[in-house]
Amino acid sequence: MSEEKLAHKWNPKNGTHEDLGLKIGTPEEVFWTDAKRKLENSILQYTESLIGDKLMLELAEKRIAEEKKKFK
């Protein structure tokens, strides 16, 4: 399955092409491409969340160890 093509128009004000948000392809191709993009974004967000959780867990373990040292 090929990647969808997006329609663009020339913007003479800034010399760039602007995405019109129009998706060109069969309805099924557009559906699956959108689904793929949403799933990739979801996985990326989940991965970033796990990395943040791991860092917080490591920080919590470090702080607990520091507090335990105070009472020894």
C-alpha atoms as a PDB file:
ATOM      1  CA  MET A   1       0.000   0.000   0.000  1.00  0.00           C
ATOM      2  CA  SER A   2       1.449   3.341  -0.985  1.00  0.00           C
ATOM      3  CA  GLU A   3       1.533   6.367   1.243  1.00  0.00           C
ATOM      4  CA  GLU A   4      -1.258   8.849   0.652  1.00  0.00           C
ATOM      5  CA  LYS A   5      -0.564  11.996  -1.275  1.00  0.00           C
ATOM      6  CA  LEU A   6      -1.574  15.313   0.220  1.00  0.00           C
ATOM      7  CA  ALA A   7      -2.836  18.188  -1.881  1.00  0.00           C
ATOM      8  CA  HIS A   8      -0.800  21.371  -1.627  1.00  0.00           C
ATOM      9  CA  LYS A   9      -1.144  24.881  -2.935  1.00  0.00           C
ATOM     10  CA  TRP A  10       1.549  27.463  -3.515  1.00  0.00           C
ATOM     11  CA  ASN A  11       1.612  30.318  -1.026  1.00  0.00           C
ATOM     12  CA  PRO A  12       3.295  33.296  -2.703  1.00  0.00           C
ATOM     13  CA  LYS A  13       3.435  35.246   0.591  1.00  0.00           C
ATOM     14  CA  ASN A  14       6.070  33.026   2.149  1.00  0.00           C
ATOM     15  CA  GLY A  15       7.204  31.031  -0.887  1.00  0.00           C
ATOM     16  CA  THR A  16       6.078  27.643   0.397  1.00  0.00           C
ATOM     17  CA  HIS A  17       3.489  25.023  -0.355  1.00  0.00           C
ATOM     18  CA  GLU A  18       0.624  24.719   2.131  1.00  0.00           C
ATOM     19  CA  ASP A  19      -1.090  21.476   3.036  1.00  0.00           C
ATOM     20  CA  LEU A  20      -4.749  21.808   2.093  1.00  0.00           C
ATOM     21  CA  GLY A  21      -5.639  18.838   4.287  1.00  0.00           C
ATOM     22  CA  LEU A  22      -7.095  17.034   1.287  1.00  0.00           C
ATOM     23  CA  LYS A  23      -6.257  13.375   1.090  1.00  0.00           C
ATOM     24  CA  ILE A  24      -5.862  11.872  -2.351  1.00  0.00           C
ATOM     25  CA  GLY A  25      -6.319   8.117  -2.723  1.00  0.00           C
ATOM     26  CA  THR A  26      -8.969   5.466  -2.453  1.00  0.00           C
ATOM     27  CA  PRO A  27     -11.225   5.723   0.616  1.00  0.00           C
ATOM     28  CA  GLU A  28      -9.781   2.471   1.940  1.00  0.00           C
ATOM     29  CA  GLU A  29      -6.198   3.651   1.432  1.00  0.00           C
ATOM     30  CA  VAL A  30      -6.951   6.923   3.217  1.00  0.00           C
ATOM     31  CA  PHE A  31      -8.672   5.021   6.062  1.00  0.00           C
ATOM     32  CA  TRP A  32      -5.738   2.665   6.620  1.00  0.00           C
ATOM     33  CA  THR A  33      -3.169   5.439   6.294  1.00  0.00           C
ATOM     34  CA  ASP A  34      -5.020   7.495   8.918  1.00  0.00           C
ATOM     35  CA  ALA A  35      -5.312   4.436  11.171  1.00  0.00           C
ATOM     36  CA  LYS A  36      -1.578   3.767  10.792  1.00  0.00           C
ATOM     37  CA  ARG A  37      -0.690   7.368  11.635  1.00  0.00           C
ATOM     38  CA  LYS A  38      -2.951   7.383  14.708  1.00  0.00           C
ATOM     39  CA  LEU A  39      -1.502   4.093  15.965  1.00  0.00           C
ATOM     40  CA  GLU A  40       2.069   5.287  15.448  1.00  0.00           C
ATOM     41  CA  ASN A  41       1.277   8.457  17.404  1.00  0.00           C
ATOM     42  CA  SER A  42      -0.374   6.419  20.158  1.00  0.00           C
ATOM     43  CA  ILE A  43       2.657   4.135  20.451  1.00  0.00           C
ATOM     44  CA  LEU A  44       4.989   7.138  20.538  1.00  0.00           C
ATOM     45  CA  GLN A  45       2.963   8.813  23.305  1.00  0.00           C
ATOM     46  CA  TYR A  46       2.837   5.558  25.301  1.00  0.00           C
ATOM     47  CA  THR A  47       6.588   5.065  24.910  1.00  0.00           C
ATOM     48  CA  GLU A  48       7.286   8.613  26.077  1.00  0.00           C
ATOM     49  CA  SER A  49       4.963   8.064  29.042  1.00  0.00           C
ATOM     50  CA  LEU A  50       6.817   4.881  30.013  1.00  0.00           C
ATOM     51  CA  ILE A  51      10.165   6.671  29.817  1.00  0.00           C
ATOM     52  CA  GLY A  52       8.825   9.413  32.090  1.00  0.00           C
ATOM     53  CA  ASP A  53       7.416   6.853  34.522  1.00  0.00           C
ATOM     54  CA  LYS A  54      10.750   5.021  34.627  1.00  0.00           C
ATOM     55  CA  LEU A  55      12.614   8.240  35.402  1.00  0.00           C
ATOM     56  CA  MET A  56      10.154   9.088  38.181  1.00  0.00           C
ATOM     57  CA  LEU A  57      10.504   5.584  39.624  1.00  0.00           C
ATOM     58  CA  GLU A  58      14.292   5.909  39.649  1.00  0.00           C
ATOM     59  CA  LEU A  59      14.007   9.309  41.341  1.00  0.00           C
ATOM     60  CA  ALA A  60      11.615   7.901  43.958  1.00  0.00           C
ATOM     61  CA  GLU A  61      13.985   5.020  44.710  1.00  0.00           C
ATOM     62  CA  LYS A  62      16.892   7.457  45.055  1.00  0.00           C
ATOM     63  CA  ARG A  63      14.930   9.717  47.426  1.00  0.00           C
ATOM     64  CA  ILE A  64      13.786   6.749  49.528  1.00  0.00           C
ATOM     65  CA  ALA A  65      17.395   5.605  49.859  1.00  0.00           C
ATOM     66  CA  GLU A  66      18.454   9.127  50.899  1.00  0.00           C
ATOM     67  CA  GLU A  67      15.727   9.285  53.543  1.00  0.00           C
ATOM     68  CA  LYS A  68      16.672   5.850  54.911  1.00  0.00           C
ATOM     69  CA  LYS A  69      20.289   7.013  55.297  1.00  0.00           C
ATOM     70  CA  LYS A  70      19.103   9.874  57.532  1.00  0.00           C
ATOM     71  CA  PHE A  71      17.750   7.408  60.095  1.00  0.00           C
ATOM     72  CA  LYS A  72      20.780   5.100  60.249  1.00  0.00           C
END
